[in-house]
Amino acid sequence: VACRTGDEDSGMTGISLLLLEKGMPGIRVRKMKTQFDSTHGTTFINLEDVKVPVRNLIGQEGLGFLYIVHNFNHERFVIASAASRA
């Protein structure tokens, strides 16, 4: 989960990535009914007062946005490569 760990003025350096486990107190997961396709696992996740241990921080605090953007570059390259081969 990407969440704000810095203050409101910290901008992109205030976003961190956390690993949440399904069984943590405060996490409720339920399957969503869809109109068309029931083969996919579309779910609704409700987070309420979830306490996340420090060990579940992914990478360094405040660098979550940079981790996400770095992955976007790879995805864009793969999509562009696939599109140009058609």
PDB file of N, CA and C in Angstrom:
ATOM      1  N   VAL A   1       0.841  -1.156   0.000  1.00  0.00           N
ATOM      2  CA  VAL A   1       0.000   0.000   0.000  1.00  0.00           C
ATOM      3  C   VAL A   1       0.894   1.228   0.000  1.00  0.00           C
ATOM      4  N   ALA A   2       0.557   2.190  -0.850  1.00  0.00           N
ATOM      5  CA  ALA A   2       1.237   3.485  -0.816  1.00  0.00           C
ATOM      6  C   ALA A   2       0.443   4.388   0.117  1.00  0.00           C
ATOM      7  N   CYS A   3       1.113   4.996   1.066  1.00  0.00           N
ATOM      8  CA  CYS A   3       0.408   5.855   2.023  1.00  0.00           C
ATOM      9  C   CYS A   3       1.299   7.040   2.389  1.00  0.00           C
ATOM     10  N   ARG A   4       0.650   8.083   2.882  1.00  0.00           N
ATOM     11  CA  ARG A   4       1.385   9.276   3.299  1.00  0.00           C
ATOM     12  C   ARG A   4       1.948   9.051   4.694  1.00  0.00           C
ATOM     13  N   THR A   5       3.272   9.180   4.800  1.00  0.00           N
ATOM     14  CA  THR A   5       3.930   9.081   6.101  1.00  0.00           C
ATOM     15  C   THR A   5       4.567  10.408   6.507  1.00  0.00           C
ATOM     16  N   GLY A   6       4.620  11.343   5.569  1.00  0.00           N
ATOM     17  CA  GLY A   6       5.150  12.675   5.869  1.00  0.00           C
ATOM     18  C   GLY A   6       4.000  13.649   6.054  1.00  0.00           C
ATOM     19  N   ASP A   7       4.333  14.887   6.359  1.00  0.00           N
ATOM     20  CA  ASP A   7       3.279  15.888   6.529  1.00  0.00           C
ATOM     21  C   ASP A   7       2.736  16.311   5.160  1.00  0.00           C
ATOM     22  N   GLU A   8       1.701  17.118   5.164  1.00  0.00           N
ATOM     23  CA  GLU A   8       1.022  17.509   3.926  1.00  0.00           C
ATOM     24  C   GLU A   8       1.927  18.285   2.979  1.00  0.00           C
ATOM     25  N   ASP A   9       2.915  18.969   3.512  1.00  0.00           N
ATOM     26  CA  ASP A   9       3.811  19.786   2.692  1.00  0.00           C
ATOM     27  C   ASP A   9       5.013  19.007   2.160  1.00  0.00           C
ATOM     28  N   SER A  10       5.109  17.727   2.492  1.00  0.00           N
ATOM     29  CA  SER A  10       6.295  16.954   2.090  1.00  0.00           C
ATOM     30  C   SER A  10       6.246  16.496   0.638  1.00  0.00           C
ATOM     31  N   GLY A  11       5.087  16.661  -0.010  1.00  0.00           N
ATOM     32  CA  GLY A  11       4.970  16.299  -1.426  1.00  0.00           C
ATOM     33  C   GLY A  11       5.266  14.840  -1.682  1.00  0.00           C
ATOM     34  N   MET A  12       6.022  14.581  -2.757  1.00  0.00           N
ATOM     35  CA  MET A  12       6.278  13.200  -3.137  1.00  0.00           C
ATOM     36  C   MET A  12       7.218  12.489  -2.165  1.00  0.00           C
ATOM     37  N   THR A  13       7.970  13.226  -1.361  1.00  0.00           N
ATOM     38  CA  THR A  13       8.869  12.571  -0.408  1.00  0.00           C
ATOM     39  C   THR A  13       8.151  12.147   0.871  1.00  0.00           C
ATOM     40  N   GLY A  14       6.838  12.349   0.922  1.00  0.00           N
ATOM     41  CA  GLY A  14       6.078  11.941   2.093  1.00  0.00           C
ATOM     42  C   GLY A  14       5.273  10.677   1.867  1.00  0.00           C
ATOM     43  N   ILE A  15       5.557   9.949   0.768  1.00  0.00           N
ATOM     44  CA  ILE A  15       4.832   8.723   0.450  1.00  0.00           C
ATOM     45  C   ILE A  15       5.740   7.526   0.728  1.00  0.00           C
ATOM     46  N   SER A  16       5.211   6.536   1.431  1.00  0.00           N
ATOM     47  CA  SER A  16       5.955   5.314   1.718  1.00  0.00           C
ATOM     48  C   SER A  16       5.146   4.105   1.273  1.00  0.00           C
ATOM     49  N   LEU A  17       5.833   2.982   1.085  1.00  0.00           N
ATOM     50  CA  LEU A  17       5.174   1.726   0.731  1.00  0.00           C
ATOM     51  C   LEU A  17       5.174   0.801   1.936  1.00  0.00           C
ATOM     52  N   LEU A  18       4.017   0.224   2.225  1.00  0.00           N
ATOM     53  CA  LEU A  18       3.872  -0.689   3.354  1.00  0.00           C
ATOM     54  C   LEU A  18       3.325  -2.025   2.882  1.00  0.00           C
ATOM     55  N   LEU A  19       3.809  -3.091   3.490  1.00  0.00           N
ATOM     56  CA  LEU A  19       3.294  -4.429   3.224  1.00  0.00           C
ATOM     57  C   LEU A  19       2.221  -4.731   4.265  1.00  0.00           C
ATOM     58  N   LEU A  20       0.986  -4.913   3.803  1.00  0.00           N
ATOM     59  CA  LEU A  20      -0.111  -5.255   4.700  1.00  0.00           C
ATOM     60  C   LEU A  20      -0.451  -6.726   4.522  1.00  0.00           C
ATOM     61  N   GLU A  21      -0.708  -7.394   5.626  1.00  0.00           N
ATOM     62  CA  GLU A  21      -1.061  -8.807   5.591  1.00  0.00           C
ATOM     63  C   GLU A  21      -2.556  -8.946   5.820  1.00  0.00           C
ATOM     64  N   LYS A  22      -3.169  -9.842   5.086  1.00  0.00           N
ATOM     65  CA  LYS A  22      -4.623  -9.989   5.090  1.00  0.00           C
ATOM     66  C   LYS A  22      -5.196 -10.196   6.502  1.00  0.00           C
ATOM     67  N   GLY A  23      -4.484 -10.860   7.363  1.00  0.00           N
ATOM     68  CA  GLY A  23      -4.999 -11.164   8.696  1.00  0.00           C
ATOM     69  C   GLY A  23      -4.782 -10.094   9.744  1.00  0.00           C
ATOM     70  N   MET A  24      -4.224  -8.957   9.364  1.00  0.00           N
ATOM     71  CA  MET A  24      -3.974  -7.884  10.343  1.00  0.00           C
ATOM     72  C   MET A  24      -5.297  -7.324  10.858  1.00  0.00           C
ATOM     73  N   PRO A  25      -5.368  -7.007  12.157  1.00  0.00           N
ATOM     74  CA  PRO A  25      -6.584  -6.376  12.672  1.00  0.00           C
ATOM     75  C   PRO A  25      -6.858  -5.059  11.955  1.00  0.00           C
ATOM     76  N   GLY A  26      -8.114  -4.856  11.570  1.00  0.00           N
ATOM     77  CA  GLY A  26      -8.519  -3.637  10.892  1.00  0.00           C
ATOM     78  C   GLY A  26      -8.615  -3.782   9.384  1.00  0.00           C
ATOM     79  N   ILE A  27      -8.238  -4.951   8.852  1.00  0.00           N
ATOM     80  CA  ILE A  27      -8.335  -5.181   7.404  1.00  0.00           C
ATOM     81  C   ILE A  27      -9.486  -6.139   7.143  1.00  0.00           C
ATOM     82  N   ARG A  28     -10.421  -5.689   6.326  1.00  0.00           N
ATOM     83  CA  ARG A  28     -11.550  -6.558   5.919  1.00  0.00           C
ATOM     84  C   ARG A  28     -11.532  -6.677   4.410  1.00  0.00           C
ATOM     85  N   VAL A  29     -11.653  -7.904   3.928  1.00  0.00           N
ATOM     86  CA  VAL A  29     -11.638  -8.181   2.490  1.00  0.00           C
ATOM     87  C   VAL A  29     -12.911  -8.925   2.139  1.00  0.00           C
ATOM     88  N   ARG A  30     -13.588  -8.469   1.092  1.00  0.00           N
ATOM     89  CA  ARG A  30     -14.770  -9.198   0.625  1.00  0.00           C
ATOM     90  C   ARG A  30     -14.806  -9.180  -0.892  1.00  0.00           C
ATOM     91  N   LYS A  31     -15.312 -10.251  -1.451  1.00  0.00           N
ATOM     92  CA  LYS A  31     -15.416 -10.361  -2.904  1.00  0.00           C
ATOM     93  C   LYS A  31     -16.513  -9.419  -3.389  1.00  0.00           C
ATOM     94  N   MET A  32     -16.247  -8.757  -4.510  1.00  0.00           N
ATOM     95  CA  MET A  32     -17.232  -7.860  -5.101  1.00  0.00           C
ATOM     96  C   MET A  32     -17.964  -8.582  -6.215  1.00  0.00           C
ATOM     97  N   LYS A  33     -19.259  -8.390  -6.263  1.00  0.00           N
ATOM     98  CA  LYS A  33     -20.031  -8.912  -7.381  1.00  0.00           C
ATOM     99  C   LYS A  33     -19.787  -8.026  -8.589  1.00  0.00           C
ATOM    100  N   THR A  34     -19.566  -8.652  -9.726  1.00  0.00           N
ATOM    101  CA  THR A  34     -19.407  -7.895 -10.960  1.00  0.00           C
ATOM    102  C   THR A  34     -20.511  -8.291 -11.925  1.00  0.00           C
ATOM    103  N   GLN A  35     -20.849  -7.404 -12.823  1.00  0.00           N
ATOM    104  CA  GLN A  35     -21.949  -7.669 -13.746  1.00  0.00           C
ATOM    105  C   GLN A  35     -21.579  -8.654 -14.834  1.00  0.00           C
ATOM    106  N   PHE A  36     -20.328  -8.647 -15.244  1.00  0.00           N
ATOM    107  CA  PHE A  36     -19.992  -9.412 -16.440  1.00  0.00           C
ATOM    108  C   PHE A  36     -19.159 -10.650 -16.160  1.00  0.00           C
ATOM    109  N   ASP A  37     -18.028 -10.482 -15.530  1.00  0.00           N
ATOM    110  CA  ASP A  37     -17.054 -11.562 -15.456  1.00  0.00           C
ATOM    111  C   ASP A  37     -16.843 -12.010 -14.017  1.00  0.00           C
ATOM    112  N   SER A  38     -17.160 -13.246 -13.721  1.00  0.00           N
ATOM    113  CA  SER A  38     -16.987 -13.747 -12.357  1.00  0.00           C
ATOM    114  C   SER A  38     -15.699 -14.555 -12.207  1.00  0.00           C
ATOM    115  N   THR A  39     -14.866 -14.634 -13.249  1.00  0.00           N
ATOM    116  CA  THR A  39     -13.643 -15.422 -13.159  1.00  0.00           C
ATOM    117  C   THR A  39     -12.492 -14.662 -12.507  1.00  0.00           C
ATOM    118  N   HIS A  40     -12.596 -13.353 -12.416  1.00  0.00           N
ATOM    119  CA  HIS A  40     -11.541 -12.562 -11.790  1.00  0.00           C
ATOM    120  C   HIS A  40     -11.858 -12.352 -10.312  1.00  0.00           C
ATOM    121  N   GLY A  41     -10.831 -12.210  -9.518  1.00  0.00           N
ATOM    122  CA  GLY A  41     -11.006 -12.021  -8.081  1.00  0.00           C
ATOM    123  C   GLY A  41     -11.122 -10.561  -7.707  1.00  0.00           C
ATOM    124  N   THR A  42     -12.162  -9.891  -8.160  1.00  0.00           N
ATOM    125  CA  THR A  42     -12.360  -8.489  -7.818  1.00  0.00           C
ATOM    126  C   THR A  42     -12.773  -8.406  -6.354  1.00  0.00           C
ATOM    127  N   THR A  43     -12.011  -7.667  -5.568  1.00  0.00           N
ATOM    128  CA  THR A  43     -12.286  -7.592  -4.134  1.00  0.00           C
ATOM    129  C   THR A  43     -12.355  -6.150  -3.653  1.00  0.00           C
ATOM    130  N   PHE A  44     -13.043  -5.969  -2.550  1.00  0.00           N
ATOM    131  CA  PHE A  44     -13.142  -4.684  -1.872  1.00  0.00           C
ATOM    132  C   PHE A  44     -12.338  -4.821  -0.586  1.00  0.00           C
ATOM    133  N   ILE A  45     -11.396  -3.909  -0.371  1.00  0.00           N
ATOM    134  CA  ILE A  45     -10.552  -3.962   0.819  1.00  0.00           C
ATOM    135  C   ILE A  45     -10.842  -2.735   1.663  1.00  0.00           C
ATOM    136  N   ASN A  46     -11.239  -2.960   2.910  1.00  0.00           N
ATOM    137  CA  ASN A  46     -11.538  -1.877   3.840  1.00  0.00           C
ATOM    138  C   ASN A  46     -10.439  -1.839   4.903  1.00  0.00           C
ATOM    139  N   LEU A  47      -9.802  -0.677   5.060  1.00  0.00           N
ATOM    140  CA  LEU A  47      -8.755  -0.483   6.071  1.00  0.00           C
ATOM    141  C   LEU A  47      -9.274   0.476   7.132  1.00  0.00           C
ATOM    142  N   GLU A  48      -9.245   0.017   8.374  1.00  0.00           N
ATOM    143  CA  GLU A  48      -9.728   0.865   9.466  1.00  0.00           C
ATOM    144  C   GLU A  48      -8.829   0.701  10.678  1.00  0.00           C
ATOM    145  N   ASP A  49      -8.090   1.760  11.013  1.00  0.00           N
ATOM    146  CA  ASP A  49      -7.184   1.777  12.170  1.00  0.00           C
ATOM    147  C   ASP A  49      -6.215   0.601  12.156  1.00  0.00           C
ATOM    148  N   VAL A  50      -5.602   0.335  11.014  1.00  0.00           N
ATOM    149  CA  VAL A  50      -4.647  -0.770  10.891  1.00  0.00           C
ATOM    150  C   VAL A  50      -3.311  -0.339  11.486  1.00  0.00           C
ATOM    151  N   LYS A  51      -2.776  -1.134  12.369  1.00  0.00           N
ATOM    152  CA  LYS A  51      -1.453  -0.891  12.956  1.00  0.00           C
ATOM    153  C   LYS A  51      -0.438  -1.714  12.169  1.00  0.00           C
ATOM    154  N   VAL A  52       0.533  -1.027  11.564  1.00  0.00           N
ATOM    155  CA  VAL A  52       1.518  -1.695  10.715  1.00  0.00           C
ATOM    156  C   VAL A  52       2.883  -1.655  11.404  1.00  0.00           C
ATOM    157  N   PRO A  53       3.499  -2.817  11.616  1.00  0.00           N
ATOM    158  CA  PRO A  53       4.824  -2.826  12.248  1.00  0.00           C
ATOM    159  C   PRO A  53       5.886  -2.176  11.346  1.00  0.00           C
ATOM    160  N   VAL A  54       6.903  -1.614  11.934  1.00  0.00           N
ATOM    161  CA  VAL A  54       7.974  -0.951  11.194  1.00  0.00           C
ATOM    162  C   VAL A  54       8.641  -1.921  10.220  1.00  0.00           C
ATOM    163  N   ARG A  55       8.723  -3.203  10.579  1.00  0.00           N
ATOM    164  CA  ARG A  55       9.377  -4.185   9.701  1.00  0.00           C
ATOM    165  C   ARG A  55       8.630  -4.364   8.376  1.00  0.00           C
ATOM    166  N   ASN A  56       7.377  -3.891   8.272  1.00  0.00           N
ATOM    167  CA  ASN A  56       6.594  -4.015   7.043  1.00  0.00           C
ATOM    168  C   ASN A  56       6.774  -2.819   6.106  1.00  0.00           C
ATOM    169  N   LEU A  57       7.685  -1.922   6.436  1.00  0.00           N
ATOM    170  CA  LEU A  57       8.026  -0.817   5.541  1.00  0.00           C
ATOM    171  C   LEU A  57       8.856  -1.375   4.394  1.00  0.00           C
ATOM    172  N   ILE A  58       8.460  -1.067   3.153  1.00  0.00           N
ATOM    173  CA  ILE A  58       9.185  -1.527   1.973  1.00  0.00           C
ATOM    174  C   ILE A  58      10.154  -0.426   1.565  1.00  0.00           C
ATOM    175  N   GLY A  59      11.436  -0.730   1.589  1.00  0.00           N
ATOM    176  CA  GLY A  59      12.457   0.265   1.254  1.00  0.00           C
ATOM    177  C   GLY A  59      12.618   1.283   2.374  1.00  0.00           C
ATOM    178  N   GLN A  60      12.895   2.521   1.989  1.00  0.00           N
ATOM    179  CA  GLN A  60      13.095   3.582   2.969  1.00  0.00           C
ATOM    180  C   GLN A  60      11.851   4.453   3.068  1.00  0.00           C
ATOM    181  N   GLU A  61      11.600   4.936   4.259  1.00  0.00           N
ATOM    182  CA  GLU A  61      10.446   5.815   4.473  1.00  0.00           C
ATOM    183  C   GLU A  61      10.591   7.072   3.620  1.00  0.00           C
ATOM    184  N   GLY A  62       9.492   7.443   2.964  1.00  0.00           N
ATOM    185  CA  GLY A  62       9.463   8.652   2.158  1.00  0.00           C
ATOM    186  C   GLY A  62       9.885   8.467   0.708  1.00  0.00           C
ATOM    187  N   LEU A  63      10.310   7.264   0.330  1.00  0.00           N
ATOM    188  CA  LEU A  63      10.753   7.037  -1.049  1.00  0.00           C
ATOM    189  C   LEU A  63       9.757   6.213  -1.864  1.00  0.00           C
ATOM    190  N   GLY A  64       8.569   5.970  -1.336  1.00  0.00           N
ATOM    191  CA  GLY A  64       7.579   5.137  -2.013  1.00  0.00           C
ATOM    192  C   GLY A  64       7.184   5.654  -3.387  1.00  0.00           C
ATOM    193  N   PHE A  65       6.998   6.956  -3.519  1.00  0.00           N
ATOM    194  CA  PHE A  65       6.613   7.514  -4.807  1.00  0.00           C
ATOM    195  C   PHE A  65       7.711   7.281  -5.846  1.00  0.00           C
ATOM    196  N   LEU A  66       8.956   7.440  -5.448  1.00  0.00           N
ATOM    197  CA  LEU A  66      10.066   7.206  -6.376  1.00  0.00           C
ATOM    198  C   LEU A  66      10.132   5.745  -6.805  1.00  0.00           C
ATOM    199  N   TYR A  67       9.861   4.812  -5.877  1.00  0.00           N
ATOM    200  CA  TYR A  67       9.841   3.386  -6.232  1.00  0.00           C
ATOM    201  C   TYR A  67       8.749   3.116  -7.267  1.00  0.00           C
ATOM    202  N   ILE A  68       7.588   3.713  -7.083  1.00  0.00           N
ATOM    203  CA  ILE A  68       6.471   3.501  -8.009  1.00  0.00           C
ATOM    204  C   ILE A  68       6.803   4.075  -9.387  1.00  0.00           C
ATOM    205  N   VAL A  69       7.319   5.294  -9.426  1.00  0.00           N
ATOM    206  CA  VAL A  69       7.638   5.943 -10.699  1.00  0.00           C
ATOM    207  C   VAL A  69       8.737   5.175 -11.433  1.00  0.00           C
ATOM    208  N   HIS A  70       9.698   4.664 -10.707  1.00  0.00           N
ATOM    209  CA  HIS A  70      10.769   3.879 -11.326  1.00  0.00           C
ATOM    210  C   HIS A  70      10.190   2.657 -12.042  1.00  0.00           C
ATOM    211  N   ASN A  71       9.201   2.001 -11.447  1.00  0.00           N
ATOM    212  CA  ASN A  71       8.569   0.839 -12.068  1.00  0.00           C
ATOM    213  C   ASN A  71       7.753   1.251 -13.293  1.00  0.00           C
ATOM    214  N   PHE A  72       7.146   2.431 -13.273  1.00  0.00           N
ATOM    215  CA  PHE A  72       6.376   2.903 -14.427  1.00  0.00           C
ATOM    216  C   PHE A  72       7.245   2.980 -15.678  1.00  0.00           C
ATOM    217  N   ASN A  73       8.501   3.397 -15.529  1.00  0.00           N
ATOM    218  CA  ASN A  73       9.385   3.498 -16.685  1.00  0.00           C
ATOM    219  C   ASN A  73       9.556   2.143 -17.360  1.00  0.00           C
ATOM    220  N   HIS A  74       9.728   1.093 -16.576  1.00  0.00           N
ATOM    221  CA  HIS A  74       9.864  -0.257 -17.135  1.00  0.00           C
ATOM    222  C   HIS A  74       8.572  -0.664 -17.842  1.00  0.00           C
ATOM    223  N   GLU A  75       7.430  -0.405 -17.220  1.00  0.00           N
ATOM    224  CA  GLU A  75       6.149  -0.769 -17.832  1.00  0.00           C
ATOM    225  C   GLU A  75       5.946  -0.030 -19.150  1.00  0.00           C
ATOM    226  N   ARG A  76       6.270   1.234 -19.189  1.00  0.00           N
ATOM    227  CA  ARG A  76       6.127   2.015 -20.433  1.00  0.00           C
ATOM    228  C   ARG A  76       7.006   1.440 -21.540  1.00  0.00           C
ATOM    229  N   PHE A  77       8.217   1.048 -21.198  1.00  0.00           N
ATOM    230  CA  PHE A  77       9.119   0.467 -22.191  1.00  0.00           C
ATOM    231  C   PHE A  77       8.551  -0.832 -22.748  1.00  0.00           C
ATOM    232  N   VAL A  78       8.045  -1.697 -21.871  1.00  0.00           N
ATOM    233  CA  VAL A  78       7.481  -2.977 -22.308  1.00  0.00           C
ATOM    234  C   VAL A  78       6.257  -2.747 -23.199  1.00  0.00           C
ATOM    235  N   ILE A  79       5.398  -1.837 -22.828  1.00  0.00           N
ATOM    236  CA  ILE A  79       4.205  -1.546 -23.632  1.00  0.00           C
ATOM    237  C   ILE A  79       4.600  -0.960 -24.989  1.00  0.00           C
ATOM    238  N   ALA A  80       5.544  -0.046 -25.003  1.00  0.00           N
ATOM    239  CA  ALA A  80       5.998   0.554 -26.259  1.00  0.00           C
ATOM    240  C   ALA A  80       6.629  -0.498 -27.164  1.00  0.00           C
ATOM    241  N   SER A  81       7.426  -1.399 -26.577  1.00  0.00           N
ATOM    242  CA  SER A  81       8.050  -2.467 -27.373  1.00  0.00           C
ATOM    243  C   SER A  81       6.994  -3.382 -27.982  1.00  0.00           C
ATOM    244  N   ALA A  82       6.016  -3.753 -27.205  1.00  0.00           N
ATOM    245  CA  ALA A  82       4.952  -4.634 -27.703  1.00  0.00           C
ATOM    246  C   ALA A  82       4.133  -3.946 -28.788  1.00  0.00           C
ATOM    247  N   ALA A  83       3.856  -2.669 -28.611  1.00  0.00           N
ATOM    248  CA  ALA A  83       3.045  -1.937 -29.576  1.00  0.00           C
ATOM    249  C   ALA A  83       3.787  -1.762 -30.901  1.00  0.00           C
ATOM    250  N   SER A  84       5.076  -1.566 -30.854  1.00  0.00           N
ATOM    251  CA  SER A  84       5.836  -1.342 -32.087  1.00  0.00           C
ATOM    252  C   SER A  84       6.084  -2.635 -32.868  1.00  0.00           C
ATOM    253  N   ARG A  85       5.898  -3.766 -32.231  1.00  0.00           N
ATOM    254  CA  ARG A  85       6.089  -5.056 -32.913  1.00  0.00           C
ATOM    255  C   ARG A  85       4.860  -5.464 -33.709  1.00  0.00           C
ATOM    256  N   ALA A  86       3.731  -4.868 -33.446  1.00  0.00           N
ATOM    257  CA  ALA A  86       2.474  -5.274 -34.100  1.00  0.00           C
ATOM    258  C   ALA A  86       2.393  -4.883 -35.551  1.00  0.00           C
TER     259      ALA A  86
END
